[in-house]
Amino acid sequence: MTERLLANPKVLAALAAIQAADAAVCVRPSGPIKQSLEKVGLPQRIWWVLPVVKSASAVGLVGGIRWPALGRLTAFMLAVYFTLAVGAHIRVRDKVLNALPAAGLLMWFAVLAGKGFKERDSTRA
């Protein structure tokens, strides 16, 4: 059941849309996003990397609909990304509430990387 839900192309497309929207917002961070980046100590000189990485992850998730290995790799790398994000919040002793979105996405992408593409791979054999 979990594999079927996670491997659903609509779910992957929705996750890709979230990543694409996040990339767009990170082009010129303002408000809470800017405050969060400053709070965790991410140097402003590398903020340009965020929309690039997030855009690439959106492409990888959409590609995962057709190529499960690409989707699995993208989900794994997003789990790594969000592990670093949660770690950054912990390092600066940020409020738990501020780390919750990253923690939730970390769990989602870790499960997706680990289980989300198994059913789709087995049907191709």
PDB file of N, CA and C in Angstrom:
ATOM      1  N   MET A   1       0.826  -1.201   0.000  1.00  0.00           N
ATOM      2  CA  MET A   1       0.000   0.000   0.000  1.00  0.00           C
ATOM      3  C   MET A   1       0.868   1.263   0.000  1.00  0.00           C
ATOM      4  N   THR A   2       1.852   1.324   0.904  1.00  0.00           N
ATOM      5  CA  THR A   2       2.712   2.506   0.986  1.00  0.00           C
ATOM      6  C   THR A   2       3.445   2.727  -0.327  1.00  0.00           C
ATOM      7  N   GLU A   3       3.995   1.628  -0.887  1.00  0.00           N
ATOM      8  CA  GLU A   3       4.729   1.757  -2.137  1.00  0.00           C
ATOM      9  C   GLU A   3       3.832   2.285  -3.244  1.00  0.00           C
ATOM     10  N   ARG A   4       2.589   1.784  -3.315  1.00  0.00           N
ATOM     11  CA  ARG A   4       1.667   2.207  -4.360  1.00  0.00           C
ATOM     12  C   ARG A   4       1.346   3.690  -4.226  1.00  0.00           C
ATOM     13  N   LEU A   5       1.146   4.164  -3.016  1.00  0.00           N
ATOM     14  CA  LEU A   5       0.842   5.573  -2.793  1.00  0.00           C
ATOM     15  C   LEU A   5       2.040   6.448  -3.148  1.00  0.00           C
ATOM     16  N   LEU A   6       3.213   6.070  -2.703  1.00  0.00           N
ATOM     17  CA  LEU A   6       4.397   6.890  -2.934  1.00  0.00           C
ATOM     18  C   LEU A   6       4.831   6.897  -4.393  1.00  0.00           C
ATOM     19  N   ALA A   7       4.652   5.782  -5.086  1.00  0.00           N
ATOM     20  CA  ALA A   7       5.084   5.687  -6.482  1.00  0.00           C
ATOM     21  C   ALA A   7       4.080   6.318  -7.435  1.00  0.00           C
ATOM     22  N   ASN A   8       2.989   6.817  -6.927  1.00  0.00           N
ATOM     23  CA  ASN A   8       1.946   7.420  -7.743  1.00  0.00           C
ATOM     24  C   ASN A   8       2.495   8.646  -8.473  1.00  0.00           C
ATOM     25  N   PRO A   9       2.354   8.703  -9.787  1.00  0.00           N
ATOM     26  CA  PRO A   9       2.843   9.869 -10.533  1.00  0.00           C
ATOM     27  C   PRO A   9       2.251  11.193 -10.052  1.00  0.00           C
ATOM     28  N   LYS A  10       1.021  11.186  -9.570  1.00  0.00           N
ATOM     29  CA  LYS A  10       0.418  12.429  -9.068  1.00  0.00           C
ATOM     30  C   LYS A  10       1.134  12.918  -7.814  1.00  0.00           C
ATOM     31  N   VAL A  11       1.541  11.984  -6.967  1.00  0.00           N
ATOM     32  CA  VAL A  11       2.278  12.355  -5.755  1.00  0.00           C
ATOM     33  C   VAL A  11       3.640  12.933  -6.134  1.00  0.00           C
ATOM     34  N   LEU A  12       4.330  12.276  -7.056  1.00  0.00           N
ATOM     35  CA  LEU A  12       5.634  12.782  -7.489  1.00  0.00           C
ATOM     36  C   LEU A  12       5.501  14.151  -8.147  1.00  0.00           C
ATOM     37  N   ALA A  13       4.462  14.333  -8.944  1.00  0.00           N
ATOM     38  CA  ALA A  13       4.240  15.635  -9.585  1.00  0.00           C
ATOM     39  C   ALA A  13       3.936  16.709  -8.545  1.00  0.00           C
ATOM     40  N   ALA A  14       3.168  16.361  -7.515  1.00  0.00           N
ATOM     41  CA  ALA A  14       2.861  17.329  -6.453  1.00  0.00           C
ATOM     42  C   ALA A  14       4.125  17.706  -5.684  1.00  0.00           C
ATOM     43  N   LEU A  15       4.949  16.713  -5.363  1.00  0.00           N
ATOM     44  CA  LEU A  15       6.209  17.000  -4.669  1.00  0.00           C
ATOM     45  C   LEU A  15       7.125  17.855  -5.538  1.00  0.00           C
ATOM     46  N   ALA A  16       7.142  17.578  -6.828  1.00  0.00           N
ATOM     47  CA  ALA A  16       7.947  18.383  -7.751  1.00  0.00           C
ATOM     48  C   ALA A  16       7.435  19.818  -7.790  1.00  0.00           C
ATOM     49  N   ALA A  17       6.120  19.989  -7.774  1.00  0.00           N
ATOM     50  CA  ALA A  17       5.543  21.340  -7.778  1.00  0.00           C
ATOM     51  C   ALA A  17       5.926  22.095  -6.511  1.00  0.00           C
ATOM     52  N   ILE A  18       5.939  21.397  -5.381  1.00  0.00           N
ATOM     53  CA  ILE A  18       6.343  22.025  -4.115  1.00  0.00           C
ATOM     54  C   ILE A  18       7.802  22.469  -4.201  1.00  0.00           C
ATOM     55  N   GLN A  19       8.657  21.601  -4.725  1.00  0.00           N
ATOM     56  CA  GLN A  19      10.073  21.949  -4.861  1.00  0.00           C
ATOM     57  C   GLN A  19      10.263  23.112  -5.828  1.00  0.00           C
ATOM     58  N   ALA A  20       9.506  23.124  -6.921  1.00  0.00           N
ATOM     59  CA  ALA A  20       9.614  24.219  -7.894  1.00  0.00           C
ATOM     60  C   ALA A  20       9.154  25.539  -7.282  1.00  0.00           C
ATOM     61  N   ALA A  21       8.070  25.499  -6.524  1.00  0.00           N
ATOM     62  CA  ALA A  21       7.586  26.717  -5.858  1.00  0.00           C
ATOM     63  C   ALA A  21       8.608  27.203  -4.836  1.00  0.00           C
ATOM     64  N   ASP A  22       9.198  26.266  -4.102  1.00  0.00           N
ATOM     65  CA  ASP A  22      10.220  26.627  -3.124  1.00  0.00           C
ATOM     66  C   ASP A  22      11.437  27.230  -3.824  1.00  0.00           C
ATOM     67  N   ALA A  23      11.790  26.690  -4.978  1.00  0.00           N
ATOM     68  CA  ALA A  23      12.907  27.248  -5.752  1.00  0.00           C
ATOM     69  C   ALA A  23      12.605  28.683  -6.164  1.00  0.00           C
ATOM     70  N   ALA A  24      11.389  28.922  -6.610  1.00  0.00           N
ATOM     71  CA  ALA A  24      11.002  30.273  -7.039  1.00  0.00           C
ATOM     72  C   ALA A  24      11.083  31.259  -5.881  1.00  0.00           C
ATOM     73  N   VAL A  25      10.643  30.827  -4.710  1.00  0.00           N
ATOM     74  CA  VAL A  25      10.678  31.696  -3.530  1.00  0.00           C
ATOM     75  C   VAL A  25      12.117  31.982  -3.107  1.00  0.00           C
ATOM     76  N   CYS A  26      13.008  31.031  -3.343  1.00  0.00           N
ATOM     77  CA  CYS A  26      14.405  31.189  -2.923  1.00  0.00           C
ATOM     78  C   CYS A  26      15.245  32.015  -3.895  1.00  0.00           C
ATOM     79  N   VAL A  27      14.675  32.404  -5.036  1.00  0.00           N
ATOM     80  CA  VAL A  27      15.435  33.239  -5.967  1.00  0.00           C
ATOM     81  C   VAL A  27      15.795  34.561  -5.300  1.00  0.00           C
ATOM     82  N   ARG A  28      14.838  35.144  -4.617  1.00  0.00           N
ATOM     83  CA  ARG A  28      15.062  36.365  -3.830  1.00  0.00           C
ATOM     84  C   ARG A  28      14.417  36.182  -2.469  1.00  0.00           C
ATOM     85  N   PRO A  29      15.105  35.496  -1.557  1.00  0.00           N
ATOM     86  CA  PRO A  29      14.502  35.210  -0.255  1.00  0.00           C
ATOM     87  C   PRO A  29      14.126  36.492   0.491  1.00  0.00           C
ATOM     88  N   SER A  30      12.948  36.476   1.067  1.00  0.00           N
ATOM     89  CA  SER A  30      12.518  37.601   1.894  1.00  0.00           C
ATOM     90  C   SER A  30      11.679  37.061   3.040  1.00  0.00           C
ATOM     91  N   GLY A  31      11.388  37.925   3.975  1.00  0.00           N
ATOM     92  CA  GLY A  31      10.535  37.560   5.105  1.00  0.00           C
ATOM     93  C   GLY A  31      11.071  36.392   5.897  1.00  0.00           C
ATOM     94  N   PRO A  32      10.187  35.438   6.212  1.00  0.00           N
ATOM     95  CA  PRO A  32      10.582  34.319   7.069  1.00  0.00           C
ATOM     96  C   PRO A  32      11.685  33.444   6.467  1.00  0.00           C
ATOM     97  N   ILE A  33      11.707  33.314   5.151  1.00  0.00           N
ATOM     98  CA  ILE A  33      12.748  32.485   4.535  1.00  0.00           C
ATOM     99  C   ILE A  33      14.112  33.137   4.713  1.00  0.00           C
ATOM    100  N   LYS A  34      14.187  34.426   4.468  1.00  0.00           N
ATOM    101  CA  LYS A  34      15.445  35.153   4.658  1.00  0.00           C
ATOM    102  C   LYS A  34      15.888  35.076   6.119  1.00  0.00           C
ATOM    103  N   GLN A  35      14.946  35.272   7.036  1.00  0.00           N
ATOM    104  CA  GLN A  35      15.273  35.200   8.465  1.00  0.00           C
ATOM    105  C   GLN A  35      15.790  33.816   8.839  1.00  0.00           C
ATOM    106  N   SER A  36      15.161  32.787   8.300  1.00  0.00           N
ATOM    107  CA  SER A  36      15.585  31.426   8.611  1.00  0.00           C
ATOM    108  C   SER A  36      16.985  31.147   8.075  1.00  0.00           C
ATOM    109  N   LEU A  37      17.253  31.567   6.842  1.00  0.00           N
ATOM    110  CA  LEU A  37      18.591  31.363   6.269  1.00  0.00           C
ATOM    111  C   LEU A  37      19.656  32.095   7.078  1.00  0.00           C
ATOM    112  N   GLU A  38      19.327  33.300   7.511  1.00  0.00           N
ATOM    113  CA  GLU A  38      20.266  34.061   8.337  1.00  0.00           C
ATOM    114  C   GLU A  38      20.441  33.408   9.700  1.00  0.00           C
ATOM    115  N   LYS A  39      19.343  32.936  10.292  1.00  0.00           N
ATOM    116  CA  LYS A  39      19.401  32.339  11.625  1.00  0.00           C
ATOM    117  C   LYS A  39      20.277  31.084  11.641  1.00  0.00           C
ATOM    118  N   VAL A  40      20.150  30.241  10.601  1.00  0.00           N
ATOM    119  CA  VAL A  40      20.953  29.012  10.585  1.00  0.00           C
ATOM    120  C   VAL A  40      22.383  29.258  10.116  1.00  0.00           C
ATOM    121  N   GLY A  41      22.677  30.491   9.712  1.00  0.00           N
ATOM    122  CA  GLY A  41      24.045  30.860   9.376  1.00  0.00           C
ATOM    123  C   GLY A  41      24.495  30.481   7.973  1.00  0.00           C
ATOM    124  N   LEU A  42      23.547  30.297   7.061  1.00  0.00           N
ATOM    125  CA  LEU A  42      23.941  30.012   5.681  1.00  0.00           C
ATOM    126  C   LEU A  42      24.450  31.302   5.053  1.00  0.00           C
ATOM    127  N   PRO A  43      25.714  31.321   4.618  1.00  0.00           N
ATOM    128  CA  PRO A  43      26.275  32.560   4.062  1.00  0.00           C
ATOM    129  C   PRO A  43      25.487  33.035   2.838  1.00  0.00           C
ATOM    130  N   GLN A  44      25.215  34.316   2.796  1.00  0.00           N
ATOM    131  CA  GLN A  44      24.421  34.879   1.710  1.00  0.00           C
ATOM    132  C   GLN A  44      25.081  34.669   0.345  1.00  0.00           C
ATOM    133  N   ARG A  45      26.387  34.556   0.314  1.00  0.00           N
ATOM    134  CA  ARG A  45      27.081  34.385  -0.965  1.00  0.00           C
ATOM    135  C   ARG A  45      26.754  33.053  -1.639  1.00  0.00           C
ATOM    136  N   ILE A  46      26.181  32.085  -0.900  1.00  0.00           N
ATOM    137  CA  ILE A  46      25.814  30.808  -1.524  1.00  0.00           C
ATOM    138  C   ILE A  46      24.299  30.589  -1.599  1.00  0.00           C
ATOM    139  N   TRP A  47      23.527  31.606  -1.307  1.00  0.00           N
ATOM    140  CA  TRP A  47      22.071  31.468  -1.408  1.00  0.00           C
ATOM    141  C   TRP A  47      21.635  31.135  -2.826  1.00  0.00           C
ATOM    142  N   TRP A  48      22.415  31.545  -3.816  1.00  0.00           N
ATOM    143  CA  TRP A  48      22.059  31.283  -5.208  1.00  0.00           C
ATOM    144  C   TRP A  48      21.971  29.791  -5.507  1.00  0.00           C
ATOM    145  N   VAL A  49      22.640  28.968  -4.697  1.00  0.00           N
ATOM    146  CA  VAL A  49      22.629  27.522  -4.908  1.00  0.00           C
ATOM    147  C   VAL A  49      21.243  26.932  -4.629  1.00  0.00           C
ATOM    148  N   LEU A  50      20.521  27.511  -3.692  1.00  0.00           N
ATOM    149  CA  LEU A  50      19.238  26.935  -3.278  1.00  0.00           C
ATOM    150  C   LEU A  50      18.229  26.807  -4.419  1.00  0.00           C
ATOM    151  N   PRO A  51      17.940  27.862  -5.181  1.00  0.00           N
ATOM    152  CA  PRO A  51      16.978  27.670  -6.268  1.00  0.00           C
ATOM    153  C   PRO A  51      17.471  26.704  -7.345  1.00  0.00           C
ATOM    154  N   VAL A  52      18.774  26.632  -7.544  1.00  0.00           N
ATOM    155  CA  VAL A  52      19.320  25.695  -8.529  1.00  0.00           C
ATOM    156  C   VAL A  52      19.080  24.260  -8.073  1.00  0.00           C
ATOM    157  N   VAL A  53      19.422  23.976  -6.819  1.00  0.00           N
ATOM    158  CA  VAL A  53      19.253  22.628  -6.272  1.00  0.00           C
ATOM    159  C   VAL A  53      17.774  22.250  -6.224  1.00  0.00           C
ATOM    160  N   LYS A  54      16.947  23.176  -5.790  1.00  0.00           N
ATOM    161  CA  LYS A  54      15.515  22.879  -5.674  1.00  0.00           C
ATOM    162  C   LYS A  54      14.867  22.694  -7.040  1.00  0.00           C
ATOM    163  N   SER A  55      15.296  23.458  -8.029  1.00  0.00           N
ATOM    164  CA  SER A  55      14.787  23.268  -9.397  1.00  0.00           C
ATOM    165  C   SER A  55      15.219  21.909  -9.946  1.00  0.00           C
ATOM    166  N   ALA A  56      16.473  21.565  -9.717  1.00  0.00           N
ATOM    167  CA  ALA A  56      16.973  20.262 -10.173  1.00  0.00           C
ATOM    168  C   ALA A  56      16.214  19.126  -9.499  1.00  0.00           C
ATOM    169  N   SER A  57      15.883  19.298  -8.227  1.00  0.00           N
ATOM    170  CA  SER A  57      15.139  18.247  -7.535  1.00  0.00           C
ATOM    171  C   SER A  57      13.727  18.113  -8.096  1.00  0.00           C
ATOM    172  N   ALA A  58      13.126  19.216  -8.496  1.00  0.00           N
ATOM    173  CA  ALA A  58      11.794  19.152  -9.116  1.00  0.00           C
ATOM    174  C   ALA A  58      11.864  18.363 -10.424  1.00  0.00           C
ATOM    175  N   VAL A  59      12.890  18.627 -11.218  1.00  0.00           N
ATOM    176  CA  VAL A  59      13.072  17.898 -12.478  1.00  0.00           C
ATOM    177  C   VAL A  59      13.306  16.412 -12.199  1.00  0.00           C
ATOM    178  N   GLY A  60      14.122  16.113 -11.190  1.00  0.00           N
ATOM    179  CA  GLY A  60      14.396  14.720 -10.835  1.00  0.00           C
ATOM    180  C   GLY A  60      13.164  13.973 -10.366  1.00  0.00           C
ATOM    181  N   LEU A  61      12.306  14.647  -9.612  1.00  0.00           N
ATOM    182  CA  LEU A  61      11.074  13.999  -9.153  1.00  0.00           C
ATOM    183  C   LEU A  61      10.127  13.722 -10.318  1.00  0.00           C
ATOM    184  N   VAL A  62       9.994  14.677 -11.214  1.00  0.00           N
ATOM    185  CA  VAL A  62       9.153  14.447 -12.394  1.00  0.00           C
ATOM    186  C   VAL A  62       9.758  13.331 -13.250  1.00  0.00           C
ATOM    187  N   GLY A  63      11.072  13.345 -13.398  1.00  0.00           N
ATOM    188  CA  GLY A  63      11.739  12.280 -14.143  1.00  0.00           C
ATOM    189  C   GLY A  63      11.548  10.918 -13.506  1.00  0.00           C
ATOM    190  N   GLY A  64      11.372  10.897 -12.192  1.00  0.00           N
ATOM    191  CA  GLY A  64      11.146   9.644 -11.479  1.00  0.00           C
ATOM    192  C   GLY A  64       9.856   8.952 -11.874  1.00  0.00           C
ATOM    193  N   ILE A  65       8.940   9.689 -12.465  1.00  0.00           N
ATOM    194  CA  ILE A  65       7.703   9.075 -12.955  1.00  0.00           C
ATOM    195  C   ILE A  65       8.038   8.085 -14.071  1.00  0.00           C
ATOM    196  N   ARG A  66       8.968   8.446 -14.917  1.00  0.00           N
ATOM    197  CA  ARG A  66       9.357   7.589 -16.048  1.00  0.00           C
ATOM    198  C   ARG A  66      10.550   6.703 -15.708  1.00  0.00           C
ATOM    199  N   TRP A  67      11.506   7.242 -14.965  1.00  0.00           N
ATOM    200  CA  TRP A  67      12.733   6.523 -14.618  1.00  0.00           C
ATOM    201  C   TRP A  67      12.841   6.409 -13.094  1.00  0.00           C
ATOM    202  N   PRO A  68      12.368   5.301 -12.526  1.00  0.00           N
ATOM    203  CA  PRO A  68      12.359   5.139 -11.072  1.00  0.00           C
ATOM    204  C   PRO A  68      13.723   5.326 -10.408  1.00  0.00           C
ATOM    205  N   ALA A  69      14.797   4.923 -11.070  1.00  0.00           N
ATOM    206  CA  ALA A  69      16.127   5.092 -10.465  1.00  0.00           C
ATOM    207  C   ALA A  69      16.449   6.568 -10.263  1.00  0.00           C
ATOM    208  N   LEU A  70      16.061   7.412 -11.210  1.00  0.00           N
ATOM    209  CA  LEU A  70      16.264   8.856 -11.065  1.00  0.00           C
ATOM    210  C   LEU A  70      15.425   9.396  -9.910  1.00  0.00           C
ATOM    211  N   GLY A  71      14.191   8.937  -9.812  1.00  0.00           N
ATOM    212  CA  GLY A  71      13.335   9.368  -8.708  1.00  0.00           C
ATOM    213  C   GLY A  71      13.892   8.953  -7.358  1.00  0.00           C
ATOM    214  N   ARG A  72      14.396   7.725  -7.283  1.00  0.00           N
ATOM    215  CA  ARG A  72      14.972   7.238  -6.026  1.00  0.00           C
ATOM    216  C   ARG A  72      16.213   8.046  -5.655  1.00  0.00           C
ATOM    217  N   LEU A  73      17.083   8.302  -6.624  1.00  0.00           N
ATOM    218  CA  LEU A  73      18.283   9.103  -6.363  1.00  0.00           C
ATOM    219  C   LEU A  73      17.903  10.511  -5.913  1.00  0.00           C
ATOM    220  N   THR A  74      16.938  11.110  -6.580  1.00  0.00           N
ATOM    221  CA  THR A  74      16.496  12.459  -6.214  1.00  0.00           C
ATOM    222  C   THR A  74      15.929  12.474  -4.801  1.00  0.00           C
ATOM    223  N   ALA A  75      15.086  11.493  -4.484  1.00  0.00           N
ATOM    224  CA  ALA A  75      14.507  11.422  -3.137  1.00  0.00           C
ATOM    225  C   ALA A  75      15.600  11.237  -2.087  1.00  0.00           C
ATOM    226  N   PHE A  76      16.591  10.398  -2.394  1.00  0.00           N
ATOM    227  CA  PHE A  76      17.702  10.194  -1.467  1.00  0.00           C
ATOM    228  C   PHE A  76      18.467  11.495  -1.238  1.00  0.00           C
ATOM    229  N   MET A  77      18.781  12.199  -2.319  1.00  0.00           N
ATOM    230  CA  MET A  77      19.528  13.451  -2.187  1.00  0.00           C
ATOM    231  C   MET A  77      18.708  14.515  -1.447  1.00  0.00           C
ATOM    232  N   LEU A  78      17.396  14.514  -1.644  1.00  0.00           N
ATOM    233  CA  LEU A  78      16.550  15.435  -0.881  1.00  0.00           C
ATOM    234  C   LEU A  78      16.541  15.062   0.598  1.00  0.00           C
ATOM    235  N   ALA A  79      16.584  13.770   0.904  1.00  0.00           N
ATOM    236  CA  ALA A  79      16.681  13.353   2.308  1.00  0.00           C
ATOM    237  C   ALA A  79      17.993  13.855   2.914  1.00  0.00           C
ATOM    238  N   VAL A  80      19.079  13.780   2.151  1.00  0.00           N
ATOM    239  CA  VAL A  80      20.365  14.319   2.622  1.00  0.00           C
ATOM    240  C   VAL A  80      20.252  15.825   2.839  1.00  0.00           C
ATOM    241  N   TYR A  81      19.680  16.520   1.872  1.00  0.00           N
ATOM    242  CA  TYR A  81      19.504  17.978   1.957  1.00  0.00           C
ATOM    243  C   TYR A  81      18.720  18.355   3.220  1.00  0.00           C
ATOM    244  N   PHE A  82      17.607  17.668   3.454  1.00  0.00           N
ATOM    245  CA  PHE A  82      16.788  18.019   4.609  1.00  0.00           C
ATOM    246  C   PHE A  82      17.416  17.550   5.926  1.00  0.00           C
ATOM    247  N   THR A  83      18.267  16.529   5.886  1.00  0.00           N
ATOM    248  CA  THR A  83      19.039  16.163   7.079  1.00  0.00           C
ATOM    249  C   THR A  83      19.965  17.313   7.456  1.00  0.00           C
ATOM    250  N   LEU A  84      20.622  17.884   6.455  1.00  0.00           N
ATOM    251  CA  LEU A  84      21.495  19.039   6.707  1.00  0.00           C
ATOM    252  C   LEU A  84      20.687  20.239   7.206  1.00  0.00           C
ATOM    253  N   ALA A  85      19.498  20.433   6.658  1.00  0.00           N
ATOM    254  CA  ALA A  85      18.656  21.554   7.091  1.00  0.00           C
ATOM    255  C   ALA A  85      18.235  21.387   8.551  1.00  0.00           C
ATOM    256  N   VAL A  86      17.793  20.184   8.913  1.00  0.00           N
ATOM    257  CA  VAL A  86      17.409  19.938  10.309  1.00  0.00           C
ATOM    258  C   VAL A  86      18.626  20.115  11.213  1.00  0.00           C
ATOM    259  N   GLY A  87      19.772  19.602  10.782  1.00  0.00           N
ATOM    260  CA  GLY A  87      21.001  19.767  11.557  1.00  0.00           C
ATOM    261  C   GLY A  87      21.367  21.222  11.761  1.00  0.00           C
ATOM    262  N   ALA A  88      21.151  22.040  10.739  1.00  0.00           N
ATOM    263  CA  ALA A  88      21.446  23.474  10.863  1.00  0.00           C
ATOM    264  C   ALA A  88      20.539  24.124  11.900  1.00  0.00           C
ATOM    265  N   HIS A  89      19.274  23.747  11.914  1.00  0.00           N
ATOM    266  CA  HIS A  89      18.348  24.295  12.915  1.00  0.00           C
ATOM    267  C   HIS A  89      18.752  23.853  14.328  1.00  0.00           C
ATOM    268  N   ILE A  90      19.157  22.601  14.458  1.00  0.00           N
ATOM    269  CA  ILE A  90      19.572  22.094  15.769  1.00  0.00           C
ATOM    270  C   ILE A  90      20.853  22.791  16.224  1.00  0.00           C
ATOM    271  N   ARG A  91      21.789  22.965  15.289  1.00  0.00           N
ATOM    272  CA  ARG A  91      23.084  23.580  15.620  1.00  0.00           C
ATOM    273  C   ARG A  91      22.922  24.960  16.241  1.00  0.00           C
ATOM    274  N   VAL A  92      21.973  25.740  15.734  1.00  0.00           N
ATOM    275  CA  VAL A  92      21.785  27.098  16.257  1.00  0.00           C
ATOM    276  C   VAL A  92      20.709  27.156  17.339  1.00  0.00           C
ATOM    277  N   ARG A  93      20.257  25.984  17.775  1.00  0.00           N
ATOM    278  CA  ARG A  93      19.227  25.890  18.817  1.00  0.00           C
ATOM    279  C   ARG A  93      17.968  26.683  18.433  1.00  0.00           C
ATOM    280  N   ASP A  94      17.569  26.511  17.194  1.00  0.00           N
ATOM    281  CA  ASP A  94      16.370  27.174  16.687  1.00  0.00           C
ATOM    282  C   ASP A  94      15.132  26.545  17.330  1.00  0.00           C
ATOM    283  N   LYS A  95      14.028  27.261  17.270  1.00  0.00           N
ATOM    284  CA  LYS A  95      12.768  26.725  17.789  1.00  0.00           C
ATOM    285  C   LYS A  95      12.398  25.467  17.010  1.00  0.00           C
ATOM    286  N   VAL A  96      11.840  24.498  17.721  1.00  0.00           N
ATOM    287  CA  VAL A  96      11.419  23.251  17.084  1.00  0.00           C
ATOM    288  C   VAL A  96      10.432  23.538  15.957  1.00  0.00           C
ATOM    289  N   LEU A  97       9.542  24.474  16.171  1.00  0.00           N
ATOM    290  CA  LEU A  97       8.542  24.823  15.160  1.00  0.00           C
ATOM    291  C   LEU A  97       9.189  25.235  13.839  1.00  0.00           C
ATOM    292  N   ASN A  98      10.324  25.905  13.902  1.00  0.00           N
ATOM    293  CA  ASN A  98      11.008  26.338  12.680  1.00  0.00           C
ATOM    294  C   ASN A  98      11.653  25.175  11.926  1.00  0.00           C
ATOM    295  N   ALA A  99      11.978  24.106  12.641  1.00  0.00           N
ATOM    296  CA  ALA A  99      12.611  22.947  12.010  1.00  0.00           C
ATOM    297  C   ALA A  99      11.595  21.911  11.534  1.00  0.00           C
ATOM    298  N   LEU A 100      10.342  22.052  11.939  1.00  0.00           N
ATOM    299  CA  LEU A 100       9.337  21.042  11.588  1.00  0.00           C
ATOM    300  C   LEU A 100       9.142  20.841  10.083  1.00  0.00           C
ATOM    301  N   PRO A 101       9.067  21.892   9.272  1.00  0.00           N
ATOM    302  CA  PRO A 101       8.907  21.631   7.833  1.00  0.00           C
ATOM    303  C   PRO A 101      10.058  20.794   7.263  1.00  0.00           C
ATOM    304  N   ALA A 102      11.272  21.120   7.639  1.00  0.00           N
ATOM    305  CA  ALA A 102      12.424  20.356   7.151  1.00  0.00           C
ATOM    306  C   ALA A 102      12.388  18.923   7.677  1.00  0.00           C
ATOM    307  N   ALA A 103      11.996  18.750   8.937  1.00  0.00           N
ATOM    308  CA  ALA A 103      11.922  17.405   9.512  1.00  0.00           C
ATOM    309  C   ALA A 103      10.844  16.573   8.820  1.00  0.00           C
ATOM    310  N   GLY A 104       9.708  17.186   8.549  1.00  0.00           N
ATOM    311  CA  GLY A 104       8.637  16.473   7.854  1.00  0.00           C
ATOM    312  C   GLY A 104       9.047  16.061   6.449  1.00  0.00           C
ATOM    313  N   LEU A 105       9.693  16.963   5.728  1.00  0.00           N
ATOM    314  CA  LEU A 105      10.145  16.635   4.375  1.00  0.00           C
ATOM    315  C   LEU A 105      11.277  15.611   4.404  1.00  0.00           C
ATOM    316  N   LEU A 106      12.124  15.671   5.420  1.00  0.00           N
ATOM    317  CA  LEU A 106      13.166  14.660   5.582  1.00  0.00           C
ATOM    318  C   LEU A 106      12.533  13.277   5.697  1.00  0.00           C
ATOM    319  N   MET A 107      11.534  13.147   6.564  1.00  0.00           N
ATOM    320  CA  MET A 107      10.882  11.844   6.732  1.00  0.00           C
ATOM    321  C   MET A 107      10.220  11.396   5.429  1.00  0.00           C
ATOM    322  N   TRP A 108       9.507  12.306   4.767  1.00  0.00           N
ATOM    323  CA  TRP A 108       8.808  11.965   3.530  1.00  0.00           C
ATOM    324  C   TRP A 108       9.789  11.464   2.465  1.00  0.00           C
ATOM    325  N   PHE A 109      10.868  12.214   2.240  1.00  0.00           N
ATOM    326  CA  PHE A 109      11.804  11.831   1.182  1.00  0.00           C
ATOM    327  C   PHE A 109      12.628  10.602   1.560  1.00  0.00           C
ATOM    328  N   ALA A 110      12.892  10.393   2.842  1.00  0.00           N
ATOM    329  CA  ALA A 110      13.599   9.180   3.259  1.00  0.00           C
ATOM    330  C   ALA A 110      12.745   7.945   2.974  1.00  0.00           C
ATOM    331  N   VAL A 111      11.465   8.017   3.296  1.00  0.00           N
ATOM    332  CA  VAL A 111      10.562   6.895   3.006  1.00  0.00           C
ATOM    333  C   VAL A 111      10.420   6.712   1.499  1.00  0.00           C
ATOM    334  N   LEU A 112      10.281   7.805   0.775  1.00  0.00           N
ATOM    335  CA  LEU A 112      10.160   7.730  -0.682  1.00  0.00           C
ATOM    336  C   LEU A 112      11.401   7.084  -1.298  1.00  0.00           C
ATOM    337  N   ALA A 113      12.571   7.466  -0.830  1.00  0.00           N
ATOM    338  CA  ALA A 113      13.813   6.888  -1.361  1.00  0.00           C
ATOM    339  C   ALA A 113      13.920   5.409  -1.019  1.00  0.00           C
ATOM    340  N   GLY A 114      13.501   5.055   0.187  1.00  0.00           N
ATOM    341  CA  GLY A 114      13.642   3.676   0.638  1.00  0.00           C
ATOM    342  C   GLY A 114      12.587   2.727   0.125  1.00  0.00           C
ATOM    343  N   LYS A 115      11.351   3.210  -0.010  1.00  0.00           N
ATOM    344  CA  LYS A 115      10.258   2.305  -0.353  1.00  0.00           C
ATOM    345  C   LYS A 115       9.435   2.741  -1.549  1.00  0.00           C
ATOM    346  N   GLY A 116       9.521   3.981  -1.939  1.00  0.00           N
ATOM    347  CA  GLY A 116       8.578   4.536  -2.891  1.00  0.00           C
ATOM    348  C   GLY A 116       8.643   4.012  -4.298  1.00  0.00           C
ATOM    349  N   PHE A 117       9.768   3.452  -4.695  1.00  0.00           N
ATOM    350  CA  PHE A 117       9.909   3.061  -6.091  1.00  0.00           C
ATOM    351  C   PHE A 117      10.033   1.553  -6.275  1.00  0.00           C
ATOM    352  N   LYS A 118       9.949   0.775  -5.203  1.00  0.00           N
ATOM    353  CA  LYS A 118      10.137  -0.674  -5.308  1.00  0.00           C
ATOM    354  C   LYS A 118       9.099  -1.328  -6.210  1.00  0.00           C
ATOM    355  N   GLU A 119       7.841  -1.009  -5.995  1.00  0.00           N
ATOM    356  CA  GLU A 119       6.780  -1.637  -6.782  1.00  0.00           C
ATOM    357  C   GLU A 119       6.945  -1.310  -8.261  1.00  0.00           C
ATOM    358  N   ARG A 120       7.271  -0.095  -8.563  1.00  0.00           N
ATOM    359  CA  ARG A 120       7.425   0.316  -9.961  1.00  0.00           C
ATOM    360  C   ARG A 120       8.608  -0.394 -10.598  1.00  0.00           C
ATOM    361  N   ASP A 121       9.700  -0.578  -9.858  1.00  0.00           N
ATOM    362  CA  ASP A 121      10.858  -1.277 -10.413  1.00  0.00           C
ATOM    363  C   ASP A 121      10.528  -2.738 -10.699  1.00  0.00           C
ATOM    364  N   SER A 122       9.798  -3.396  -9.792  1.00  0.00           N
ATOM    365  CA  SER A 122       9.513  -4.818  -9.944  1.00  0.00           C
ATOM    366  C   SER A 122       8.574  -5.085 -11.112  1.00  0.00           C
ATOM    367  N   THR A 123       7.753  -4.123 -11.490  1.00  0.00           N
ATOM    368  CA  THR A 123       6.841  -4.330 -12.614  1.00  0.00           C
ATOM    369  C   THR A 123       7.558  -4.202 -13.947  1.00  0.00           C
ATOM    370  N   ARG A 124       8.739  -3.637 -13.963  1.00  0.00           N
ATOM    371  CA  ARG A 124       9.488  -3.459 -15.207  1.00  0.00           C
ATOM    372  C   ARG A 124      10.297  -4.706 -15.562  1.00  0.00           C
ATOM    373  N   ALA A 125      10.463  -5.616 -14.629  1.00  0.00           N
ATOM    374  CA  ALA A 125      11.301  -6.794 -14.870  1.00  0.00           C
ATOM    375  C   ALA A 125      10.650  -7.776 -15.821  1.00  0.00           C
TER     376      ALA A 125
END
